[in-house]
Every structure is written in structure tokens, then in C-alpha cells.
Amino acid sequence: MRKLKTIEMNRLSVEEFKEADKLPLIVVLDDVRSLYNVGSVFRSCDAFRVEAVYLCGITATPPHPEIHKTALGGEDSVAWRYFASATEAVEELKRNEYFVYSIEQVEGSTKLQHLTLNRHQRYAVVFGNEVKGVNQTTVDACNGCLEIPQFGTKHSLNVSVTAGIVVWEFARKMFL
């Protein structure tokens, strides 16, 4: 096997990305502290052509060198908006007929492997702070909660890892 050269991968330019059909998904970051996590989320959202990223509360916004270090330009291709709170973002998303999931361990959550999606529906997923998770007020404002099953001694994953897993699952079910 030979590794492909970048030129052979047929990557979209930023302009082509902005014009391309998007995964009908908005990623919401609720008080994410690490700029490296923010950048990693942008990079994953670029990889799967996510519609937009909403940055809320204390979550930093581009341009910033630490975001760029892990986003590698994803912050330039993926549309983004800032909201004072994730709850405010969720309320707007619901007014615009998005079905909004909080990614959190709660009573009655849907396990990610049991997620059923409607190709005609638009979705949003809210990812929380590295220590406290998604704010309870925001969880309450969402339509439902998704949970990634875990089998080890830890009860959480890094927020950017979680975002990659969840966004891939949406892309797999909506695009493939």
C-alpha cells in the first residue's frame, strides 16, 4: 500500500467547502475552556462538512493561534457564531426547527448506537465543559440527550474526542 499524497485526496478548497452541501447538523460548544479542544472540534466539523459551529459562553472564538494549531484552517471553512449562552443558542435552534440533542449522561438518554435520524430533519448537538459537562439549564432546553456507552473505569471522554465520535455517527447515518 502506498500513502496518498495530499493532491490525490481531492480535498475541497475553502471556497468549494462553503458552497458544498452540508451535513444538516450544528455543533454547539457550551463553555468549552480549551482552545485546543475548540480547534479540534472545528477540524472534525470540517472533515464531515458540518453546517456550523456555535461557540457559547466562555468558549473562545477565532481567530486565535491556539484554535488554529489544532483546527488547521477548519475555523476558516466551517461557519460559526457566538452566543452568550448555550441555552440561548438552543432556543434559537429550536425556533428554527432543529432537533437538539445534548451529549450528556442523564436519566433516559439515548445510547448513540440506538440513534435514529430522519434525513429530512436538521439537528444540533451540544457538547459541554471539560469538567462540568453541559449546563443543566441547557440540558433541560434540549429535545433529548445522547450518550456514548463506555466500558472502562472512566465515565467521560475528552470533549473533542466525543465530538468526533458523535459527528461521525451523524455523518454515517445521514450521508452514507
N, C-alpha and C. Protein backbone atom coordinates (compact mmCIF):
# COMPACT_ATOMS: atom_id res chain seq x y z
N MET A 1 0.84 -1.18 0.00
CA MET A 1 0.00 0.00 0.00
C MET A 1 0.89 1.24 0.00
N ARG A 2 0.44 2.23 -0.75
CA ARG A 2 1.15 3.49 -0.83
C ARG A 2 0.28 4.59 -0.25
N LYS A 3 0.87 5.39 0.62
CA LYS A 3 0.13 6.53 1.17
C LYS A 3 -0.19 7.52 0.06
N LEU A 4 -1.39 8.05 0.10
CA LEU A 4 -1.78 9.06 -0.89
C LEU A 4 -1.11 10.39 -0.59
N LYS A 5 -0.79 11.11 -1.63
CA LYS A 5 -0.30 12.47 -1.50
C LYS A 5 -1.52 13.37 -1.33
N THR A 6 -1.32 14.49 -0.70
CA THR A 6 -2.43 15.42 -0.45
C THR A 6 -3.16 15.76 -1.75
N ILE A 7 -2.44 15.98 -2.80
CA ILE A 7 -3.05 16.34 -4.08
C ILE A 7 -3.96 15.23 -4.61
N GLU A 8 -3.70 13.98 -4.23
CA GLU A 8 -4.50 12.85 -4.70
C GLU A 8 -5.80 12.65 -3.90
N MET A 9 -5.96 13.40 -2.83
CA MET A 9 -7.13 13.20 -1.95
C MET A 9 -8.35 13.99 -2.38
N ASN A 10 -8.21 14.81 -3.41
CA ASN A 10 -9.34 15.59 -3.93
C ASN A 10 -10.05 16.40 -2.86
N ARG A 11 -9.30 17.03 -2.00
CA ARG A 11 -9.88 17.86 -0.95
C ARG A 11 -10.52 19.11 -1.55
N LEU A 12 -11.57 19.58 -0.91
CA LEU A 12 -12.23 20.81 -1.33
C LEU A 12 -11.40 22.01 -0.92
N SER A 13 -11.45 23.06 -1.70
CA SER A 13 -10.89 24.34 -1.26
C SER A 13 -11.87 24.94 -0.26
N VAL A 14 -11.45 25.96 0.46
CA VAL A 14 -12.35 26.62 1.41
C VAL A 14 -13.57 27.15 0.67
N GLU A 15 -13.37 27.71 -0.50
CA GLU A 15 -14.49 28.24 -1.27
C GLU A 15 -15.44 27.12 -1.70
N GLU A 16 -14.88 26.00 -2.16
CA GLU A 16 -15.72 24.85 -2.54
C GLU A 16 -16.45 24.28 -1.34
N PHE A 17 -15.79 24.24 -0.18
CA PHE A 17 -16.42 23.76 1.05
C PHE A 17 -17.64 24.62 1.38
N LYS A 18 -17.48 25.92 1.30
CA LYS A 18 -18.58 26.83 1.65
C LYS A 18 -19.78 26.66 0.73
N GLU A 19 -19.55 26.25 -0.52
CA GLU A 19 -20.62 26.05 -1.49
C GLU A 19 -21.21 24.63 -1.46
N ALA A 20 -20.49 23.68 -0.88
CA ALA A 20 -20.89 22.26 -0.89
C ALA A 20 -22.10 22.02 0.01
N ASP A 21 -22.85 20.98 -0.31
CA ASP A 21 -23.93 20.55 0.57
C ASP A 21 -23.33 20.17 1.92
N LYS A 22 -24.04 20.49 2.98
CA LYS A 22 -23.54 20.24 4.33
C LYS A 22 -24.37 19.16 5.02
N LEU A 23 -23.74 18.53 5.98
CA LEU A 23 -24.45 17.67 6.89
C LEU A 23 -25.41 18.57 7.67
N PRO A 24 -26.70 18.25 7.74
CA PRO A 24 -27.66 19.13 8.42
C PRO A 24 -27.51 19.05 9.93
N LEU A 25 -26.36 19.51 10.41
CA LEU A 25 -26.01 19.40 11.82
C LEU A 25 -25.24 20.64 12.24
N ILE A 26 -25.63 21.19 13.39
CA ILE A 26 -24.89 22.28 14.01
C ILE A 26 -24.32 21.76 15.32
N VAL A 27 -23.05 22.02 15.54
CA VAL A 27 -22.36 21.64 16.76
C VAL A 27 -22.31 22.85 17.68
N VAL A 28 -22.76 22.66 18.91
CA VAL A 28 -22.79 23.73 19.91
C VAL A 28 -21.79 23.39 21.02
N LEU A 29 -20.90 24.33 21.32
CA LEU A 29 -19.94 24.13 22.40
C LEU A 29 -20.34 25.01 23.58
N ASP A 30 -20.64 24.38 24.70
CA ASP A 30 -21.14 25.04 25.90
C ASP A 30 -20.00 25.21 26.91
N ASP A 31 -19.43 26.42 26.97
CA ASP A 31 -18.37 26.74 27.95
C ASP A 31 -17.16 25.81 27.86
N VAL A 32 -16.71 25.51 26.64
CA VAL A 32 -15.51 24.70 26.46
C VAL A 32 -14.29 25.59 26.70
N ARG A 33 -13.47 25.20 27.67
CA ARG A 33 -12.34 26.04 28.11
C ARG A 33 -11.12 25.97 27.19
N SER A 34 -10.78 24.77 26.73
CA SER A 34 -9.53 24.58 25.99
C SER A 34 -9.65 25.03 24.54
N LEU A 35 -8.78 25.93 24.16
CA LEU A 35 -8.76 26.38 22.78
C LEU A 35 -8.34 25.26 21.84
N TYR A 36 -7.52 24.33 22.34
CA TYR A 36 -7.14 23.18 21.53
C TYR A 36 -8.36 22.28 21.27
N ASN A 37 -9.23 22.13 22.26
CA ASN A 37 -10.46 21.36 22.05
C ASN A 37 -11.35 22.06 21.03
N VAL A 38 -11.46 23.37 21.13
CA VAL A 38 -12.26 24.13 20.16
C VAL A 38 -11.72 23.90 18.76
N GLY A 39 -10.41 24.00 18.60
CA GLY A 39 -9.80 23.80 17.29
C GLY A 39 -10.02 22.40 16.76
N SER A 40 -9.90 21.41 17.65
CA SER A 40 -10.12 20.02 17.23
C SER A 40 -11.54 19.80 16.77
N VAL A 41 -12.50 20.43 17.44
CA VAL A 41 -13.90 20.31 17.03
C VAL A 41 -14.09 20.93 15.65
N PHE A 42 -13.50 22.09 15.41
CA PHE A 42 -13.59 22.70 14.08
C PHE A 42 -13.03 21.76 13.01
N ARG A 43 -11.91 21.13 13.31
CA ARG A 43 -11.28 20.23 12.34
C ARG A 43 -12.18 19.04 12.01
N SER A 44 -12.80 18.44 13.04
CA SER A 44 -13.73 17.34 12.82
C SER A 44 -14.96 17.82 12.04
N CYS A 45 -15.44 19.00 12.36
CA CYS A 45 -16.61 19.53 11.66
C CYS A 45 -16.30 19.80 10.20
N ASP A 46 -15.08 20.24 9.89
CA ASP A 46 -14.67 20.40 8.51
C ASP A 46 -14.64 19.04 7.81
N ALA A 47 -14.07 18.04 8.48
CA ALA A 47 -13.93 16.71 7.87
C ALA A 47 -15.26 16.13 7.44
N PHE A 48 -16.33 16.43 8.18
CA PHE A 48 -17.63 15.84 7.90
C PHE A 48 -18.63 16.88 7.37
N ARG A 49 -18.14 18.04 6.92
CA ARG A 49 -18.95 19.12 6.33
C ARG A 49 -20.16 19.49 7.17
N VAL A 50 -19.91 19.72 8.44
CA VAL A 50 -20.96 20.16 9.35
C VAL A 50 -21.40 21.58 8.96
N GLU A 51 -22.67 21.84 9.13
CA GLU A 51 -23.25 23.12 8.74
C GLU A 51 -22.60 24.31 9.47
N ALA A 52 -22.43 24.20 10.79
CA ALA A 52 -21.87 25.32 11.55
C ALA A 52 -21.49 24.86 12.95
N VAL A 53 -20.68 25.69 13.59
CA VAL A 53 -20.33 25.52 15.00
C VAL A 53 -20.80 26.75 15.74
N TYR A 54 -21.51 26.54 16.85
CA TYR A 54 -21.93 27.64 17.71
C TYR A 54 -21.06 27.61 18.97
N LEU A 55 -20.40 28.72 19.24
CA LEU A 55 -19.49 28.86 20.37
C LEU A 55 -20.20 29.68 21.44
N CYS A 56 -20.31 29.12 22.65
CA CYS A 56 -21.16 29.73 23.67
C CYS A 56 -20.41 29.96 24.97
N GLY A 57 -20.82 31.05 25.66
CA GLY A 57 -20.28 31.33 26.98
C GLY A 57 -18.79 31.65 26.93
N ILE A 58 -18.01 30.93 27.74
CA ILE A 58 -16.57 31.19 27.82
C ILE A 58 -15.78 30.55 26.68
N THR A 59 -16.44 29.85 25.79
CA THR A 59 -15.76 29.22 24.66
C THR A 59 -15.13 30.31 23.79
N ALA A 60 -13.83 30.16 23.52
CA ALA A 60 -13.12 31.15 22.71
C ALA A 60 -13.56 31.09 21.26
N THR A 61 -13.34 32.19 20.56
CA THR A 61 -13.71 32.28 19.15
C THR A 61 -12.47 32.56 18.29
N PRO A 62 -12.52 32.15 17.03
CA PRO A 62 -11.44 32.51 16.11
C PRO A 62 -11.47 34.02 15.84
N PRO A 63 -10.41 34.58 15.35
CA PRO A 63 -9.12 33.94 15.11
C PRO A 63 -8.31 33.87 16.41
N HIS A 64 -7.62 32.79 16.58
CA HIS A 64 -6.74 32.61 17.73
C HIS A 64 -5.69 31.56 17.38
N PRO A 65 -4.42 31.81 17.68
CA PRO A 65 -3.37 30.86 17.30
C PRO A 65 -3.55 29.46 17.89
N GLU A 66 -4.06 29.37 19.14
CA GLU A 66 -4.24 28.05 19.75
C GLU A 66 -5.39 27.28 19.10
N ILE A 67 -6.43 27.97 18.67
CA ILE A 67 -7.51 27.31 17.94
C ILE A 67 -6.96 26.83 16.60
N HIS A 68 -6.23 27.71 15.92
CA HIS A 68 -5.70 27.37 14.60
C HIS A 68 -4.73 26.18 14.66
N LYS A 69 -3.99 26.07 15.76
CA LYS A 69 -2.99 24.99 15.88
C LYS A 69 -3.62 23.61 15.70
N THR A 70 -4.83 23.41 16.22
CA THR A 70 -5.49 22.11 16.07
C THR A 70 -6.55 22.10 14.97
N ALA A 71 -7.12 23.26 14.66
CA ALA A 71 -8.13 23.33 13.60
C ALA A 71 -7.51 23.22 12.21
N LEU A 72 -6.29 23.67 12.09
CA LEU A 72 -5.56 23.64 10.81
C LEU A 72 -6.37 24.26 9.66
N GLY A 73 -7.08 25.33 9.95
CA GLY A 73 -7.86 26.01 8.93
C GLY A 73 -9.34 25.68 8.95
N GLY A 74 -9.73 24.67 9.74
CA GLY A 74 -11.15 24.34 9.85
C GLY A 74 -11.99 25.50 10.35
N GLU A 75 -11.35 26.39 11.11
CA GLU A 75 -12.07 27.56 11.62
C GLU A 75 -12.37 28.56 10.50
N ASP A 76 -11.68 28.41 9.36
CA ASP A 76 -11.93 29.28 8.21
C ASP A 76 -12.99 28.70 7.27
N SER A 77 -13.10 27.38 7.24
CA SER A 77 -14.06 26.76 6.31
C SER A 77 -15.44 26.57 6.94
N VAL A 78 -15.49 26.23 8.21
CA VAL A 78 -16.77 25.95 8.87
C VAL A 78 -17.36 27.26 9.41
N ALA A 79 -18.61 27.52 9.07
CA ALA A 79 -19.30 28.71 9.58
C ALA A 79 -19.42 28.62 11.09
N TRP A 80 -19.35 29.76 11.78
CA TRP A 80 -19.51 29.75 13.23
C TRP A 80 -20.19 31.04 13.70
N ARG A 81 -20.80 30.92 14.87
CA ARG A 81 -21.45 32.06 15.53
C ARG A 81 -21.16 31.99 17.02
N TYR A 82 -21.23 33.13 17.66
CA TYR A 82 -21.05 33.18 19.11
C TYR A 82 -22.39 33.52 19.78
N PHE A 83 -22.67 32.86 20.91
CA PHE A 83 -23.84 33.13 21.75
C PHE A 83 -23.37 33.32 23.19
N ALA A 84 -24.03 34.17 23.91
CA ALA A 84 -23.68 34.40 25.31
C ALA A 84 -23.88 33.14 26.15
N SER A 85 -24.86 32.32 25.76
CA SER A 85 -25.08 31.06 26.49
C SER A 85 -25.56 29.99 25.52
N ALA A 86 -25.28 28.75 25.87
CA ALA A 86 -25.74 27.63 25.04
C ALA A 86 -27.26 27.54 25.05
N THR A 87 -27.88 27.90 26.17
CA THR A 87 -29.34 27.87 26.24
C THR A 87 -29.94 28.83 25.21
N GLU A 88 -29.34 29.99 25.06
CA GLU A 88 -29.79 30.96 24.05
C GLU A 88 -29.65 30.34 22.64
N ALA A 89 -28.54 29.67 22.38
CA ALA A 89 -28.33 29.02 21.08
C ALA A 89 -29.37 27.93 20.85
N VAL A 90 -29.62 27.11 21.87
CA VAL A 90 -30.60 26.02 21.75
C VAL A 90 -31.99 26.59 21.47
N GLU A 91 -32.37 27.64 22.16
CA GLU A 91 -33.69 28.24 21.94
C GLU A 91 -33.83 28.72 20.50
N GLU A 92 -32.78 29.36 19.96
CA GLU A 92 -32.84 29.80 18.57
C GLU A 92 -32.91 28.62 17.61
N LEU A 93 -32.11 27.59 17.87
CA LEU A 93 -32.13 26.40 17.02
C LEU A 93 -33.52 25.77 17.00
N LYS A 94 -34.14 25.65 18.15
CA LYS A 94 -35.49 25.07 18.20
C LYS A 94 -36.51 25.94 17.48
N ARG A 95 -36.38 27.26 17.58
CA ARG A 95 -37.27 28.15 16.83
C ARG A 95 -37.11 27.93 15.33
N ASN A 96 -35.91 27.55 14.92
CA ASN A 96 -35.63 27.29 13.50
C ASN A 96 -35.81 25.82 13.13
N GLU A 97 -36.52 25.08 14.00
CA GLU A 97 -36.95 23.70 13.76
C GLU A 97 -35.82 22.67 13.71
N TYR A 98 -34.75 22.94 14.43
CA TYR A 98 -33.72 21.93 14.63
C TYR A 98 -34.16 21.04 15.79
N PHE A 99 -33.82 19.77 15.71
CA PHE A 99 -33.99 18.85 16.83
C PHE A 99 -32.66 18.85 17.55
N VAL A 100 -32.68 19.22 18.82
CA VAL A 100 -31.42 19.47 19.55
C VAL A 100 -31.19 18.39 20.60
N TYR A 101 -30.03 17.75 20.49
CA TYR A 101 -29.58 16.77 21.48
C TYR A 101 -28.46 17.37 22.32
N SER A 102 -28.52 17.12 23.60
CA SER A 102 -27.40 17.37 24.49
C SER A 102 -26.60 16.07 24.56
N ILE A 103 -25.29 16.16 24.52
CA ILE A 103 -24.46 14.97 24.66
C ILE A 103 -24.07 14.90 26.13
N GLU A 104 -24.81 14.08 26.86
CA GLU A 104 -24.66 14.06 28.31
C GLU A 104 -25.19 12.76 28.88
N GLN A 105 -24.66 12.38 30.01
CA GLN A 105 -25.15 11.20 30.72
C GLN A 105 -26.29 11.63 31.63
N VAL A 106 -27.51 11.26 31.25
CA VAL A 106 -28.70 11.64 32.00
C VAL A 106 -29.65 10.44 32.08
N GLU A 107 -30.60 10.54 32.98
CA GLU A 107 -31.65 9.53 33.03
C GLU A 107 -32.40 9.53 31.71
N GLY A 108 -32.58 8.37 31.13
CA GLY A 108 -33.37 8.26 29.91
C GLY A 108 -32.65 8.68 28.64
N SER A 109 -31.33 8.81 28.67
CA SER A 109 -30.60 9.20 27.46
C SER A 109 -30.71 8.10 26.41
N THR A 110 -30.54 8.49 25.15
CA THR A 110 -30.49 7.54 24.04
C THR A 110 -29.03 7.17 23.83
N LYS A 111 -28.73 5.88 23.83
CA LYS A 111 -27.37 5.43 23.53
C LYS A 111 -27.09 5.72 22.06
N LEU A 112 -25.89 6.19 21.78
CA LEU A 112 -25.55 6.63 20.43
C LEU A 112 -25.83 5.56 19.38
N GLN A 113 -25.58 4.30 19.71
CA GLN A 113 -25.80 3.23 18.73
C GLN A 113 -27.28 3.03 18.42
N HIS A 114 -28.18 3.56 19.24
CA HIS A 114 -29.62 3.44 19.02
C HIS A 114 -30.23 4.68 18.38
N LEU A 115 -29.39 5.65 18.04
CA LEU A 115 -29.85 6.89 17.43
C LEU A 115 -30.48 6.60 16.07
N THR A 116 -31.70 7.09 15.87
CA THR A 116 -32.39 7.01 14.58
C THR A 116 -32.58 8.43 14.08
N LEU A 117 -32.18 8.66 12.84
CA LEU A 117 -32.27 10.01 12.28
C LEU A 117 -33.20 10.05 11.09
N ASN A 118 -33.80 11.19 10.89
CA ASN A 118 -34.67 11.46 9.75
C ASN A 118 -33.86 12.33 8.78
N ARG A 119 -33.66 11.87 7.58
CA ARG A 119 -32.85 12.60 6.60
C ARG A 119 -33.45 13.96 6.23
N HIS A 120 -34.69 14.21 6.58
CA HIS A 120 -35.34 15.47 6.26
C HIS A 120 -35.34 16.43 7.45
N GLN A 121 -34.76 16.02 8.56
CA GLN A 121 -34.71 16.83 9.78
C GLN A 121 -33.33 17.46 9.89
N ARG A 122 -33.27 18.64 10.47
CA ARG A 122 -31.99 19.27 10.81
C ARG A 122 -31.76 19.07 12.30
N TYR A 123 -30.50 18.86 12.68
CA TYR A 123 -30.14 18.53 14.05
C TYR A 123 -29.07 19.47 14.59
N ALA A 124 -29.00 19.49 15.90
CA ALA A 124 -27.90 20.16 16.59
C ALA A 124 -27.50 19.29 17.77
N VAL A 125 -26.22 19.34 18.12
CA VAL A 125 -25.71 18.58 19.26
C VAL A 125 -24.91 19.53 20.14
N VAL A 126 -25.15 19.45 21.44
CA VAL A 126 -24.50 20.34 22.41
C VAL A 126 -23.47 19.55 23.19
N PHE A 127 -22.24 20.04 23.18
CA PHE A 127 -21.13 19.44 23.93
C PHE A 127 -20.74 20.40 25.05
N GLY A 128 -20.44 19.84 26.22
CA GLY A 128 -20.23 20.67 27.39
C GLY A 128 -18.80 20.89 27.81
N ASN A 129 -18.69 21.64 28.87
CA ASN A 129 -17.43 21.98 29.52
C ASN A 129 -16.66 20.72 29.91
N GLU A 130 -15.35 20.82 29.85
CA GLU A 130 -14.47 19.68 30.12
C GLU A 130 -14.62 19.10 31.52
N VAL A 131 -15.06 19.87 32.48
CA VAL A 131 -15.21 19.38 33.85
C VAL A 131 -16.68 19.16 34.21
N LYS A 132 -17.52 20.14 33.91
CA LYS A 132 -18.92 20.10 34.36
C LYS A 132 -19.90 19.56 33.34
N GLY A 133 -19.46 19.36 32.09
CA GLY A 133 -20.37 18.88 31.06
C GLY A 133 -21.31 19.98 30.59
N VAL A 134 -22.45 19.57 30.05
CA VAL A 134 -23.45 20.52 29.57
C VAL A 134 -24.22 21.05 30.77
N ASN A 135 -24.39 22.36 30.82
CA ASN A 135 -25.14 23.02 31.89
C ASN A 135 -26.55 22.43 31.98
N GLN A 136 -27.04 22.18 33.19
CA GLN A 136 -28.35 21.55 33.38
C GLN A 136 -29.47 22.36 32.72
N THR A 137 -29.40 23.68 32.76
CA THR A 137 -30.41 24.51 32.11
C THR A 137 -30.44 24.25 30.61
N THR A 138 -29.27 24.05 30.03
CA THR A 138 -29.19 23.74 28.61
C THR A 138 -29.72 22.34 28.33
N VAL A 139 -29.35 21.38 29.17
CA VAL A 139 -29.89 20.02 29.03
C VAL A 139 -31.42 20.08 29.03
N ASP A 140 -31.98 20.83 29.96
CA ASP A 140 -33.44 20.95 30.06
C ASP A 140 -34.07 21.57 28.81
N ALA A 141 -33.33 22.44 28.12
CA ALA A 141 -33.86 23.12 26.94
C ALA A 141 -33.82 22.24 25.69
N CYS A 142 -33.04 21.18 25.72
CA CYS A 142 -32.87 20.31 24.54
C CYS A 142 -34.06 19.38 24.35
N ASN A 143 -34.17 18.84 23.13
CA ASN A 143 -35.22 17.87 22.84
C ASN A 143 -34.92 16.49 23.40
N GLY A 144 -33.65 16.19 23.58
CA GLY A 144 -33.26 14.89 24.08
C GLY A 144 -31.77 14.86 24.38
N CYS A 145 -31.31 13.72 24.89
CA CYS A 145 -29.89 13.56 25.22
C CYS A 145 -29.35 12.27 24.60
N LEU A 146 -28.13 12.37 24.10
CA LEU A 146 -27.41 11.22 23.57
C LEU A 146 -26.25 10.91 24.50
N GLU A 147 -25.93 9.62 24.58
CA GLU A 147 -24.83 9.18 25.44
C GLU A 147 -24.00 8.15 24.68
N ILE A 148 -22.68 8.30 24.77
CA ILE A 148 -21.77 7.30 24.20
C ILE A 148 -21.53 6.26 25.28
N PRO A 149 -21.88 4.99 25.02
CA PRO A 149 -21.61 3.96 26.03
C PRO A 149 -20.11 3.85 26.27
N GLN A 150 -19.74 3.62 27.53
CA GLN A 150 -18.34 3.47 27.90
C GLN A 150 -18.21 2.26 28.80
N PHE A 151 -17.10 1.57 28.69
CA PHE A 151 -16.97 0.28 29.35
C PHE A 151 -15.78 0.18 30.30
N GLY A 152 -15.04 1.26 30.47
CA GLY A 152 -13.86 1.24 31.33
C GLY A 152 -14.14 1.81 32.70
N THR A 153 -13.10 2.28 33.34
CA THR A 153 -13.23 2.84 34.69
C THR A 153 -13.59 4.32 34.67
N LYS A 154 -13.37 4.99 33.56
CA LYS A 154 -13.69 6.42 33.46
C LYS A 154 -15.12 6.59 32.97
N HIS A 155 -15.69 7.72 33.28
CA HIS A 155 -17.08 7.98 32.92
C HIS A 155 -17.21 9.15 31.96
N SER A 156 -16.10 9.52 31.32
CA SER A 156 -16.17 10.61 30.36
C SER A 156 -15.05 10.48 29.34
N LEU A 157 -15.25 11.17 28.23
CA LEU A 157 -14.25 11.27 27.17
C LEU A 157 -13.91 12.75 26.99
N ASN A 158 -12.77 13.02 26.42
CA ASN A 158 -12.42 14.40 26.08
C ASN A 158 -13.49 14.96 25.15
N VAL A 159 -13.83 16.22 25.30
CA VAL A 159 -14.92 16.82 24.53
C VAL A 159 -14.65 16.76 23.03
N SER A 160 -13.40 16.94 22.61
CA SER A 160 -13.14 16.89 21.17
C SER A 160 -13.23 15.46 20.64
N VAL A 161 -12.85 14.48 21.44
CA VAL A 161 -12.99 13.08 21.05
C VAL A 161 -14.48 12.74 20.95
N THR A 162 -15.24 13.16 21.93
CA THR A 162 -16.69 12.94 21.93
C THR A 162 -17.32 13.56 20.68
N ALA A 163 -16.93 14.78 20.37
CA ALA A 163 -17.49 15.45 19.19
C ALA A 163 -17.17 14.66 17.92
N GLY A 164 -15.94 14.17 17.80
CA GLY A 164 -15.57 13.40 16.63
C GLY A 164 -16.43 12.15 16.48
N ILE A 165 -16.64 11.46 17.58
CA ILE A 165 -17.45 10.23 17.54
C ILE A 165 -18.89 10.55 17.16
N VAL A 166 -19.47 11.54 17.80
CA VAL A 166 -20.88 11.88 17.56
C VAL A 166 -21.08 12.42 16.14
N VAL A 167 -20.21 13.32 15.71
CA VAL A 167 -20.36 13.88 14.37
C VAL A 167 -20.20 12.79 13.32
N TRP A 168 -19.26 11.87 13.52
CA TRP A 168 -19.11 10.75 12.59
C TRP A 168 -20.40 9.93 12.53
N GLU A 169 -21.02 9.68 13.67
CA GLU A 169 -22.24 8.88 13.69
C GLU A 169 -23.35 9.58 12.91
N PHE A 170 -23.46 10.90 13.06
CA PHE A 170 -24.46 11.64 12.27
C PHE A 170 -24.12 11.56 10.78
N ALA A 171 -22.85 11.75 10.42
CA ALA A 171 -22.44 11.69 9.02
C ALA A 171 -22.71 10.31 8.45
N ARG A 172 -22.38 9.28 9.22
CA ARG A 172 -22.57 7.90 8.76
C ARG A 172 -24.05 7.63 8.48
N LYS A 173 -24.91 8.11 9.35
CA LYS A 173 -26.34 7.82 9.20
C LYS A 173 -27.03 8.75 8.20
N MET A 174 -26.48 9.93 7.96
CA MET A 174 -27.13 10.90 7.08
C MET A 174 -26.53 10.92 5.66
N PHE A 175 -25.23 10.65 5.55
CA PHE A 175 -24.55 10.76 4.24
C PHE A 175 -24.37 9.42 3.56
N LEU A 176 -24.13 8.36 4.34
CA LEU A 176 -23.75 7.09 3.73
C LEU A 176 -24.94 6.18 3.49
